[in-house]
Amino acid sequence: MRAIVLRGSPRRGGNSDTLADHFIQGLKSTGDIEVFDFILNDMKIKPCQGCQYCMTSKNNKCITDDDMHKIYSVFADADFVVWATPMYWGYMTAQMKTALDRMEALAMDVKKYWLDKEFVAILTYRHHYQSTVGFFERVQGYFRFRLNVITFCSMNKEGHEDIHVSSCKEKLEESYQLGRKLGLLRRA
């Protein structure tokens, strides 16, 4: 089995990274799995130029030659795609959105790239996360992936200070158990 982890946070070790790590630990507990970890902030990925070259080129290849091709090279064979990102102003980070926009090159071949994948959206937020969940739900019907969502509110509602997910054992366990459950289902 193969998993891709797309990390949208510009900060290492934050809430979305921690939950993604626990999900992968749960997944690995079910047997051998190859994990491709992409820290989007450290990659050179240009925004989609809307040139539509991918619509007419052989194999729907994106004309922009950058680090996005590292993700493309393993996406087709992935069983699991983890989208781990904090919410900024109620939506995924710019790093995640840029990578997601560049998935346009893969949109032309649903069967090869999207069909029957397990998507795991790990969303950490202070106030809102629904717009990102709504996006994945809207495109799910067309691309026919299975969507799993883990959310974590990082704001203490009483004191309004931020808390790290590492202090919330039940959220860490939820993420681990989802990884374990999906790994076992995929192996069955």
N, C-alpha and C. Protein backbone atom coordinates (compact mmCIF):
# COMPACT_ATOMS: atom_id res chain seq x y z
N MET A 1 0.84 -1.18 0.00
CA MET A 1 0.00 0.00 0.00
C MET A 1 0.88 1.24 0.00
N ARG A 2 0.29 2.32 -0.47
CA ARG A 2 1.03 3.57 -0.61
C ARG A 2 0.17 4.73 -0.11
N ALA A 3 0.81 5.63 0.66
CA ALA A 3 0.13 6.82 1.15
C ALA A 3 0.93 8.05 0.78
N ILE A 4 0.22 9.11 0.46
CA ILE A 4 0.81 10.42 0.21
C ILE A 4 0.30 11.35 1.31
N VAL A 5 1.22 12.07 1.93
CA VAL A 5 0.84 13.06 2.93
C VAL A 5 1.23 14.43 2.38
N LEU A 6 0.23 15.28 2.16
CA LEU A 6 0.46 16.64 1.71
C LEU A 6 0.28 17.54 2.93
N ARG A 7 1.37 18.15 3.37
CA ARG A 7 1.36 18.98 4.57
C ARG A 7 1.32 20.45 4.17
N GLY A 8 0.22 21.11 4.52
CA GLY A 8 0.00 22.49 4.09
C GLY A 8 0.45 23.54 5.07
N SER A 9 0.89 23.15 6.25
CA SER A 9 1.29 24.15 7.24
C SER A 9 2.70 24.65 6.95
N PRO A 10 2.92 25.97 7.11
CA PRO A 10 4.28 26.49 6.99
C PRO A 10 5.12 26.22 8.23
N ARG A 11 4.49 25.75 9.31
CA ARG A 11 5.22 25.47 10.56
C ARG A 11 5.29 23.96 10.78
N ARG A 12 6.46 23.46 11.14
CA ARG A 12 6.66 22.04 11.43
C ARG A 12 6.18 21.72 12.85
N GLY A 13 5.63 20.56 13.03
CA GLY A 13 5.26 20.06 14.35
C GLY A 13 3.99 20.65 14.92
N GLY A 14 3.24 21.35 14.11
CA GLY A 14 1.98 21.93 14.59
C GLY A 14 0.88 20.89 14.68
N ASN A 15 -0.33 21.37 14.84
CA ASN A 15 -1.48 20.49 15.04
C ASN A 15 -1.76 19.58 13.85
N SER A 16 -1.77 20.13 12.65
CA SER A 16 -2.08 19.28 11.49
C SER A 16 -0.98 18.25 11.25
N ASP A 17 0.27 18.64 11.45
CA ASP A 17 1.38 17.67 11.32
C ASP A 17 1.25 16.55 12.34
N THR A 18 0.94 16.92 13.57
CA THR A 18 0.85 15.93 14.65
C THR A 18 -0.28 14.94 14.38
N LEU A 19 -1.42 15.43 13.96
CA LEU A 19 -2.54 14.53 13.64
C LEU A 19 -2.20 13.65 12.43
N ALA A 20 -1.54 14.20 11.43
CA ALA A 20 -1.13 13.40 10.27
C ALA A 20 -0.15 12.31 10.69
N ASP A 21 0.77 12.64 11.58
CA ASP A 21 1.73 11.64 12.07
C ASP A 21 1.02 10.50 12.77
N HIS A 22 0.01 10.81 13.58
CA HIS A 22 -0.73 9.76 14.29
C HIS A 22 -1.56 8.91 13.32
N PHE A 23 -2.13 9.54 12.30
CA PHE A 23 -2.85 8.78 11.29
C PHE A 23 -1.91 7.78 10.60
N ILE A 24 -0.73 8.26 10.20
CA ILE A 24 0.24 7.39 9.51
C ILE A 24 0.70 6.26 10.44
N GLN A 25 0.90 6.55 11.72
CA GLN A 25 1.27 5.49 12.68
C GLN A 25 0.20 4.41 12.73
N GLY A 26 -1.07 4.83 12.75
CA GLY A 26 -2.17 3.86 12.74
C GLY A 26 -2.19 3.05 11.47
N LEU A 27 -1.96 3.70 10.35
CA LEU A 27 -1.92 3.02 9.06
C LEU A 27 -0.78 2.00 9.02
N LYS A 28 0.39 2.41 9.48
CA LYS A 28 1.56 1.51 9.49
C LYS A 28 1.39 0.33 10.44
N SER A 29 0.54 0.49 11.45
CA SER A 29 0.33 -0.62 12.39
C SER A 29 -0.37 -1.81 11.74
N THR A 30 -0.92 -1.60 10.52
CA THR A 30 -1.63 -2.68 9.85
C THR A 30 -0.75 -3.45 8.86
N GLY A 31 0.51 -3.05 8.73
CA GLY A 31 1.41 -3.74 7.82
C GLY A 31 2.27 -2.76 7.06
N ASP A 32 2.99 -3.31 6.08
CA ASP A 32 3.90 -2.48 5.29
C ASP A 32 3.13 -1.44 4.49
N ILE A 33 3.63 -0.24 4.55
CA ILE A 33 3.05 0.84 3.74
C ILE A 33 4.16 1.80 3.36
N GLU A 34 4.13 2.21 2.12
CA GLU A 34 5.10 3.17 1.62
C GLU A 34 4.48 4.56 1.78
N VAL A 35 5.19 5.46 2.45
CA VAL A 35 4.67 6.80 2.72
C VAL A 35 5.52 7.84 2.00
N PHE A 36 4.87 8.67 1.24
CA PHE A 36 5.51 9.80 0.58
C PHE A 36 5.03 11.06 1.27
N ASP A 37 5.94 11.74 1.92
CA ASP A 37 5.64 12.89 2.76
C ASP A 37 6.08 14.16 2.03
N PHE A 38 5.15 15.05 1.75
CA PHE A 38 5.46 16.28 1.04
C PHE A 38 5.16 17.48 1.92
N ILE A 39 6.19 18.23 2.25
CA ILE A 39 6.04 19.46 3.01
C ILE A 39 5.94 20.58 1.98
N LEU A 40 4.73 20.99 1.69
CA LEU A 40 4.48 21.89 0.57
C LEU A 40 5.21 23.22 0.70
N ASN A 41 5.38 23.70 1.91
CA ASN A 41 6.06 24.98 2.12
C ASN A 41 7.53 24.92 1.70
N ASP A 42 8.12 23.74 1.73
CA ASP A 42 9.52 23.58 1.36
C ASP A 42 9.72 23.24 -0.11
N MET A 43 8.63 23.11 -0.83
CA MET A 43 8.70 22.73 -2.24
C MET A 43 8.54 23.96 -3.13
N LYS A 44 9.09 23.87 -4.31
CA LYS A 44 8.96 24.92 -5.31
C LYS A 44 7.79 24.54 -6.21
N ILE A 45 6.60 25.07 -5.88
CA ILE A 45 5.40 24.78 -6.65
C ILE A 45 4.78 26.11 -7.08
N LYS A 46 4.71 26.31 -8.37
CA LYS A 46 4.12 27.53 -8.91
C LYS A 46 2.60 27.37 -8.98
N PRO A 47 1.88 28.46 -8.92
CA PRO A 47 0.41 28.38 -9.07
C PRO A 47 0.03 27.92 -10.48
N CYS A 48 -1.12 27.32 -10.60
CA CYS A 48 -1.65 26.94 -11.91
C CYS A 48 -1.77 28.21 -12.75
N GLN A 49 -1.36 28.11 -14.02
CA GLN A 49 -1.39 29.25 -14.92
C GLN A 49 -2.66 29.27 -15.77
N GLY A 50 -3.50 28.27 -15.63
CA GLY A 50 -4.74 28.24 -16.40
C GLY A 50 -4.51 28.16 -17.90
N CYS A 51 -3.37 27.64 -18.31
CA CYS A 51 -3.01 27.61 -19.74
C CYS A 51 -3.73 26.49 -20.49
N GLN A 52 -4.24 25.53 -19.78
CA GLN A 52 -4.97 24.37 -20.30
C GLN A 52 -4.10 23.42 -21.13
N TYR A 53 -2.79 23.55 -20.98
CA TYR A 53 -1.89 22.62 -21.66
C TYR A 53 -2.18 21.18 -21.23
N CYS A 54 -2.49 20.99 -19.96
CA CYS A 54 -2.75 19.64 -19.44
C CYS A 54 -3.97 19.00 -20.10
N MET A 55 -4.86 19.80 -20.63
CA MET A 55 -6.07 19.26 -21.26
C MET A 55 -5.79 18.68 -22.64
N THR A 56 -4.70 19.14 -23.27
CA THR A 56 -4.43 18.71 -24.64
C THR A 56 -3.12 17.92 -24.79
N SER A 57 -2.29 17.93 -23.77
CA SER A 57 -1.00 17.27 -23.88
C SER A 57 -1.13 15.76 -23.70
N LYS A 58 -0.12 15.05 -24.19
CA LYS A 58 -0.09 13.61 -24.02
C LYS A 58 -0.01 13.31 -22.52
N ASN A 59 -0.80 12.38 -22.04
CA ASN A 59 -0.86 11.98 -20.63
C ASN A 59 -1.26 13.13 -19.70
N ASN A 60 -1.88 14.15 -20.26
CA ASN A 60 -2.36 15.29 -19.47
C ASN A 60 -1.26 15.86 -18.58
N LYS A 61 -0.10 16.01 -19.13
CA LYS A 61 1.07 16.51 -18.39
C LYS A 61 0.98 18.02 -18.22
N CYS A 62 1.33 18.48 -17.03
CA CYS A 62 1.40 19.91 -16.75
C CYS A 62 2.69 20.46 -17.37
N ILE A 63 2.59 21.59 -18.01
CA ILE A 63 3.75 22.18 -18.68
C ILE A 63 4.73 22.81 -17.70
N THR A 64 4.27 23.18 -16.52
CA THR A 64 5.14 23.83 -15.54
C THR A 64 6.09 22.81 -14.93
N ASP A 65 7.36 23.05 -15.07
CA ASP A 65 8.39 22.12 -14.59
C ASP A 65 8.85 22.56 -13.21
N ASP A 66 8.27 21.95 -12.18
CA ASP A 66 8.63 22.29 -10.80
C ASP A 66 8.42 21.08 -9.91
N ASP A 67 8.45 21.28 -8.61
CA ASP A 67 8.35 20.16 -7.66
C ASP A 67 7.00 19.46 -7.64
N MET A 68 6.00 20.04 -8.26
CA MET A 68 4.69 19.38 -8.29
C MET A 68 4.78 18.03 -8.99
N HIS A 69 5.73 17.88 -9.89
CA HIS A 69 5.89 16.61 -10.61
C HIS A 69 6.32 15.48 -9.68
N LYS A 70 6.92 15.80 -8.54
CA LYS A 70 7.23 14.77 -7.53
C LYS A 70 5.94 14.19 -6.98
N ILE A 71 4.96 15.03 -6.77
CA ILE A 71 3.65 14.56 -6.28
C ILE A 71 2.94 13.79 -7.39
N TYR A 72 2.92 14.34 -8.59
CA TYR A 72 2.29 13.64 -9.72
C TYR A 72 2.84 12.23 -9.88
N SER A 73 4.14 12.07 -9.70
CA SER A 73 4.78 10.78 -9.98
C SER A 73 4.31 9.66 -9.06
N VAL A 74 3.76 9.98 -7.90
CA VAL A 74 3.32 8.93 -6.98
C VAL A 74 1.80 8.94 -6.74
N PHE A 75 1.13 9.93 -7.26
CA PHE A 75 -0.30 10.09 -6.97
C PHE A 75 -1.15 8.95 -7.53
N ALA A 76 -0.88 8.54 -8.75
CA ALA A 76 -1.73 7.51 -9.38
C ALA A 76 -1.74 6.21 -8.59
N ASP A 77 -0.63 5.84 -7.99
CA ASP A 77 -0.53 4.57 -7.28
C ASP A 77 -0.85 4.67 -5.79
N ALA A 78 -1.27 5.83 -5.34
CA ALA A 78 -1.57 6.01 -3.91
C ALA A 78 -2.92 5.41 -3.56
N ASP A 79 -2.95 4.72 -2.44
CA ASP A 79 -4.22 4.23 -1.90
C ASP A 79 -4.85 5.29 -0.98
N PHE A 80 -3.99 6.07 -0.33
CA PHE A 80 -4.42 7.08 0.64
C PHE A 80 -3.78 8.41 0.30
N VAL A 81 -4.58 9.47 0.35
CA VAL A 81 -4.05 10.82 0.19
C VAL A 81 -4.49 11.61 1.41
N VAL A 82 -3.51 12.08 2.18
CA VAL A 82 -3.78 12.84 3.39
C VAL A 82 -3.53 14.31 3.08
N TRP A 83 -4.55 15.12 3.29
CA TRP A 83 -4.50 16.57 3.09
C TRP A 83 -4.50 17.18 4.48
N ALA A 84 -3.33 17.51 5.02
CA ALA A 84 -3.22 18.01 6.39
C ALA A 84 -2.90 19.50 6.36
N THR A 85 -3.83 20.31 6.87
CA THR A 85 -3.63 21.75 6.78
C THR A 85 -4.38 22.49 7.89
N PRO A 86 -3.77 23.54 8.40
CA PRO A 86 -4.54 24.43 9.26
C PRO A 86 -5.44 25.31 8.38
N MET A 87 -6.42 25.89 9.01
CA MET A 87 -7.31 26.82 8.31
C MET A 87 -6.83 28.24 8.58
N TYR A 88 -6.63 28.99 7.52
CA TYR A 88 -6.31 30.42 7.63
C TYR A 88 -7.50 31.17 7.04
N TRP A 89 -8.10 32.02 7.81
CA TRP A 89 -9.29 32.75 7.39
C TRP A 89 -10.38 31.79 6.91
N GLY A 90 -10.48 30.65 7.59
CA GLY A 90 -11.56 29.71 7.30
C GLY A 90 -11.33 28.81 6.10
N TYR A 91 -10.11 28.80 5.54
CA TYR A 91 -9.85 27.95 4.38
C TYR A 91 -8.44 27.39 4.46
N MET A 92 -8.16 26.39 3.64
CA MET A 92 -6.84 25.77 3.64
C MET A 92 -5.76 26.81 3.36
N THR A 93 -4.53 26.49 3.73
CA THR A 93 -3.43 27.43 3.53
C THR A 93 -3.15 27.64 2.04
N ALA A 94 -2.46 28.72 1.73
CA ALA A 94 -2.09 29.01 0.35
C ALA A 94 -1.22 27.90 -0.24
N GLN A 95 -0.36 27.31 0.59
CA GLN A 95 0.50 26.22 0.12
C GLN A 95 -0.35 25.03 -0.34
N MET A 96 -1.37 24.68 0.45
CA MET A 96 -2.23 23.56 0.10
C MET A 96 -3.09 23.90 -1.12
N LYS A 97 -3.62 25.09 -1.15
CA LYS A 97 -4.48 25.50 -2.27
C LYS A 97 -3.69 25.52 -3.57
N THR A 98 -2.44 25.97 -3.53
CA THR A 98 -1.60 25.99 -4.73
C THR A 98 -1.40 24.57 -5.27
N ALA A 99 -1.07 23.64 -4.38
CA ALA A 99 -0.90 22.24 -4.81
C ALA A 99 -2.21 21.66 -5.32
N LEU A 100 -3.30 21.96 -4.64
CA LEU A 100 -4.60 21.46 -5.06
C LEU A 100 -4.98 22.01 -6.43
N ASP A 101 -4.74 23.27 -6.67
CA ASP A 101 -5.04 23.84 -7.99
C ASP A 101 -4.24 23.14 -9.09
N ARG A 102 -3.03 22.75 -8.77
CA ARG A 102 -2.17 22.08 -9.76
C ARG A 102 -2.63 20.63 -10.02
N MET A 103 -3.55 20.12 -9.22
CA MET A 103 -4.12 18.80 -9.48
C MET A 103 -5.01 18.81 -10.72
N GLU A 104 -5.25 20.00 -11.26
CA GLU A 104 -6.04 20.12 -12.48
C GLU A 104 -5.48 19.21 -13.58
N ALA A 105 -4.17 19.05 -13.62
CA ALA A 105 -3.55 18.19 -14.63
C ALA A 105 -3.96 16.73 -14.48
N LEU A 106 -4.37 16.34 -13.28
CA LEU A 106 -4.79 14.96 -13.04
C LEU A 106 -6.30 14.79 -13.15
N ALA A 107 -7.02 15.87 -13.28
CA ALA A 107 -8.48 15.82 -13.29
C ALA A 107 -9.05 15.18 -14.54
N MET A 108 -8.25 15.11 -15.59
CA MET A 108 -8.75 14.59 -16.87
C MET A 108 -8.91 13.07 -16.87
N ASP A 109 -8.23 12.39 -15.95
CA ASP A 109 -8.26 10.92 -15.94
C ASP A 109 -8.70 10.43 -14.56
N VAL A 110 -10.00 10.43 -14.34
CA VAL A 110 -10.56 10.05 -13.04
C VAL A 110 -10.17 8.63 -12.68
N LYS A 111 -10.27 7.72 -13.62
CA LYS A 111 -9.99 6.31 -13.33
C LYS A 111 -8.55 6.10 -12.88
N LYS A 112 -7.61 6.74 -13.53
CA LYS A 112 -6.19 6.53 -13.22
C LYS A 112 -5.79 7.19 -11.90
N TYR A 113 -6.28 8.39 -11.64
CA TYR A 113 -5.75 9.18 -10.53
C TYR A 113 -6.64 9.26 -9.29
N TRP A 114 -7.93 9.13 -9.42
CA TRP A 114 -8.81 9.46 -8.30
C TRP A 114 -9.67 8.31 -7.79
N LEU A 115 -10.11 7.48 -8.66
CA LEU A 115 -11.11 6.46 -8.36
C LEU A 115 -10.69 5.57 -7.18
N ASP A 116 -11.56 5.44 -6.21
CA ASP A 116 -11.41 4.52 -5.07
C ASP A 116 -10.26 4.83 -4.12
N LYS A 117 -9.77 6.04 -4.14
CA LYS A 117 -8.75 6.42 -3.15
C LYS A 117 -9.44 6.79 -1.84
N GLU A 118 -8.71 6.63 -0.77
CA GLU A 118 -9.16 7.12 0.53
C GLU A 118 -8.54 8.50 0.73
N PHE A 119 -9.36 9.51 0.81
CA PHE A 119 -8.89 10.85 1.13
C PHE A 119 -9.10 11.08 2.62
N VAL A 120 -8.11 11.63 3.26
CA VAL A 120 -8.20 11.99 4.67
C VAL A 120 -7.88 13.47 4.77
N ALA A 121 -8.88 14.26 5.11
CA ALA A 121 -8.68 15.70 5.30
C ALA A 121 -8.50 15.94 6.79
N ILE A 122 -7.32 16.40 7.15
CA ILE A 122 -7.01 16.72 8.55
C ILE A 122 -6.96 18.24 8.63
N LEU A 123 -7.95 18.80 9.30
CA LEU A 123 -8.13 20.25 9.31
C LEU A 123 -8.10 20.77 10.74
N THR A 124 -7.18 21.68 10.99
CA THR A 124 -7.08 22.29 12.31
C THR A 124 -7.47 23.76 12.17
N TYR A 125 -8.17 24.27 13.17
CA TYR A 125 -8.77 25.59 13.01
C TYR A 125 -8.98 26.27 14.36
N ARG A 126 -9.21 27.55 14.30
CA ARG A 126 -9.60 28.33 15.48
C ARG A 126 -11.10 28.61 15.42
N HIS A 127 -11.61 28.92 14.25
CA HIS A 127 -13.01 29.32 14.14
C HIS A 127 -13.81 28.52 13.11
N HIS A 128 -13.28 28.30 11.91
CA HIS A 128 -14.06 27.69 10.84
C HIS A 128 -13.22 26.70 10.03
N TYR A 129 -13.87 25.65 9.58
CA TYR A 129 -13.23 24.66 8.70
C TYR A 129 -14.18 24.18 7.62
N GLN A 130 -15.44 24.58 7.70
CA GLN A 130 -16.49 24.00 6.85
C GLN A 130 -16.29 24.24 5.36
N SER A 131 -15.66 25.34 4.97
CA SER A 131 -15.49 25.61 3.54
C SER A 131 -14.58 24.57 2.88
N THR A 132 -13.57 24.12 3.58
CA THR A 132 -12.67 23.12 3.01
C THR A 132 -13.35 21.76 2.96
N VAL A 133 -14.08 21.40 4.01
CA VAL A 133 -14.85 20.15 3.97
C VAL A 133 -15.86 20.22 2.82
N GLY A 134 -16.52 21.37 2.68
CA GLY A 134 -17.48 21.55 1.59
C GLY A 134 -16.86 21.36 0.22
N PHE A 135 -15.65 21.85 0.04
CA PHE A 135 -14.96 21.65 -1.24
C PHE A 135 -14.80 20.16 -1.54
N PHE A 136 -14.24 19.42 -0.59
CA PHE A 136 -14.01 17.99 -0.82
C PHE A 136 -15.34 17.25 -1.05
N GLU A 137 -16.37 17.62 -0.33
CA GLU A 137 -17.68 16.98 -0.54
C GLU A 137 -18.23 17.29 -1.92
N ARG A 138 -18.03 18.51 -2.41
CA ARG A 138 -18.54 18.88 -3.74
C ARG A 138 -17.87 18.09 -4.85
N VAL A 139 -16.58 17.85 -4.77
CA VAL A 139 -15.88 17.16 -5.86
C VAL A 139 -15.86 15.65 -5.69
N GLN A 140 -16.26 15.18 -4.53
CA GLN A 140 -16.23 13.74 -4.24
C GLN A 140 -17.09 12.94 -5.21
N GLY A 141 -18.24 13.43 -5.56
CA GLY A 141 -19.13 12.70 -6.47
C GLY A 141 -18.52 12.46 -7.83
N TYR A 142 -17.83 13.45 -8.34
CA TYR A 142 -17.21 13.33 -9.66
C TYR A 142 -15.97 12.44 -9.62
N PHE A 143 -15.12 12.66 -8.64
CA PHE A 143 -13.85 11.93 -8.59
C PHE A 143 -13.95 10.58 -7.89
N ARG A 144 -15.05 10.33 -7.21
CA ARG A 144 -15.36 9.03 -6.60
C ARG A 144 -14.28 8.52 -5.65
N PHE A 145 -13.79 9.39 -4.79
CA PHE A 145 -12.91 8.96 -3.71
C PHE A 145 -13.75 8.88 -2.45
N ARG A 146 -13.24 8.21 -1.45
CA ARG A 146 -13.91 8.14 -0.15
C ARG A 146 -13.29 9.20 0.75
N LEU A 147 -14.13 9.99 1.39
CA LEU A 147 -13.66 11.11 2.19
C LEU A 147 -13.79 10.81 3.67
N ASN A 148 -12.71 11.05 4.39
CA ASN A 148 -12.66 10.94 5.84
C ASN A 148 -12.15 12.28 6.35
N VAL A 149 -12.75 12.80 7.41
CA VAL A 149 -12.38 14.12 7.90
C VAL A 149 -12.08 14.04 9.39
N ILE A 150 -10.96 14.64 9.77
CA ILE A 150 -10.60 14.82 11.17
C ILE A 150 -10.44 16.32 11.38
N THR A 151 -11.13 16.86 12.37
CA THR A 151 -11.00 18.29 12.67
C THR A 151 -10.56 18.46 14.11
N PHE A 152 -9.85 19.56 14.33
CA PHE A 152 -9.42 19.90 15.69
C PHE A 152 -9.45 21.42 15.86
N CYS A 153 -10.21 21.87 16.84
CA CYS A 153 -10.25 23.30 17.18
C CYS A 153 -9.11 23.58 18.15
N SER A 154 -8.19 24.42 17.73
CA SER A 154 -7.00 24.70 18.53
C SER A 154 -7.17 25.86 19.49
N MET A 155 -8.38 26.39 19.57
CA MET A 155 -8.59 27.52 20.46
C MET A 155 -9.37 27.08 21.70
N ASN A 156 -8.81 27.38 22.85
CA ASN A 156 -9.51 27.15 24.11
C ASN A 156 -10.67 28.14 24.16
N LYS A 157 -11.89 27.64 24.12
CA LYS A 157 -13.08 28.49 24.06
C LYS A 157 -13.23 29.38 25.30
N GLU A 158 -12.68 28.94 26.41
CA GLU A 158 -12.82 29.72 27.65
C GLU A 158 -11.78 30.84 27.74
N GLY A 159 -10.52 30.53 27.43
CA GLY A 159 -9.47 31.52 27.59
C GLY A 159 -9.01 32.15 26.29
N HIS A 160 -9.48 31.62 25.16
CA HIS A 160 -9.14 32.11 23.83
C HIS A 160 -7.67 31.96 23.45
N GLU A 161 -6.90 31.20 24.22
CA GLU A 161 -5.52 30.93 23.82
C GLU A 161 -5.49 29.64 23.00
N ASP A 162 -4.43 29.50 22.25
CA ASP A 162 -4.27 28.29 21.44
C ASP A 162 -3.75 27.15 22.30
N ILE A 163 -4.23 25.95 21.94
CA ILE A 163 -3.75 24.73 22.59
C ILE A 163 -3.20 23.81 21.50
N HIS A 164 -2.22 23.01 21.87
CA HIS A 164 -1.65 22.05 20.91
C HIS A 164 -2.40 20.73 21.04
N VAL A 165 -2.60 20.07 19.92
CA VAL A 165 -3.35 18.82 19.90
C VAL A 165 -2.68 17.74 20.75
N SER A 166 -1.40 17.85 21.01
CA SER A 166 -0.72 16.84 21.83
C SER A 166 -1.30 16.77 23.23
N SER A 167 -2.02 17.81 23.67
CA SER A 167 -2.67 17.78 24.98
C SER A 167 -4.06 17.16 24.92
N CYS A 168 -4.50 16.76 23.74
CA CYS A 168 -5.83 16.18 23.56
C CYS A 168 -5.68 14.73 23.10
N LYS A 169 -5.46 13.87 24.05
CA LYS A 169 -5.19 12.45 23.75
C LYS A 169 -6.29 11.80 22.92
N GLU A 170 -7.55 12.22 23.15
CA GLU A 170 -8.65 11.60 22.40
C GLU A 170 -8.57 11.94 20.91
N LYS A 171 -8.09 13.13 20.54
CA LYS A 171 -7.93 13.49 19.13
C LYS A 171 -6.79 12.71 18.50
N LEU A 172 -5.71 12.56 19.23
CA LEU A 172 -4.57 11.77 18.73
C LEU A 172 -5.02 10.33 18.50
N GLU A 173 -5.78 9.80 19.43
CA GLU A 173 -6.28 8.43 19.32
C GLU A 173 -7.26 8.30 18.15
N GLU A 174 -8.11 9.30 17.96
CA GLU A 174 -9.06 9.30 16.83
C GLU A 174 -8.30 9.21 15.50
N SER A 175 -7.24 9.99 15.38
CA SER A 175 -6.46 10.01 14.15
C SER A 175 -5.75 8.66 13.95
N TYR A 176 -5.14 8.15 15.02
CA TYR A 176 -4.47 6.85 14.95
C TYR A 176 -5.46 5.74 14.56
N GLN A 177 -6.60 5.73 15.20
CA GLN A 177 -7.60 4.68 14.94
C GLN A 177 -8.17 4.75 13.53
N LEU A 178 -8.33 5.97 13.01
CA LEU A 178 -8.80 6.08 11.62
C LEU A 178 -7.75 5.48 10.68
N GLY A 179 -6.48 5.77 10.91
CA GLY A 179 -5.43 5.17 10.09
C GLY A 179 -5.46 3.65 10.18
N ARG A 180 -5.61 3.14 11.37
CA ARG A 180 -5.66 1.69 11.58
C ARG A 180 -6.88 1.08 10.87
N LYS A 181 -8.03 1.69 11.06
CA LYS A 181 -9.27 1.19 10.45
C LYS A 181 -9.16 1.16 8.92
N LEU A 182 -8.69 2.26 8.33
CA LEU A 182 -8.60 2.32 6.86
C LEU A 182 -7.56 1.35 6.34
N GLY A 183 -6.45 1.18 7.07
CA GLY A 183 -5.44 0.22 6.66
C GLY A 183 -5.97 -1.20 6.66
N LEU A 184 -6.73 -1.55 7.69
CA LEU A 184 -7.32 -2.89 7.78
C LEU A 184 -8.37 -3.10 6.71
N LEU A 185 -9.19 -2.08 6.44
CA LEU A 185 -10.22 -2.19 5.39
C LEU A 185 -9.58 -2.40 4.02
N ARG A 186 -8.51 -1.67 3.75
CA ARG A 186 -7.85 -1.75 2.46
C ARG A 186 -7.20 -3.12 2.25
N ARG A 187 -6.74 -3.71 3.33
CA ARG A 187 -6.07 -5.02 3.25
C ARG A 187 -7.08 -6.17 3.13
N ALA A 188 -8.32 -5.92 3.54
CA ALA A 188 -9.34 -6.99 3.55
C ALA A 188 -9.76 -7.40 2.15
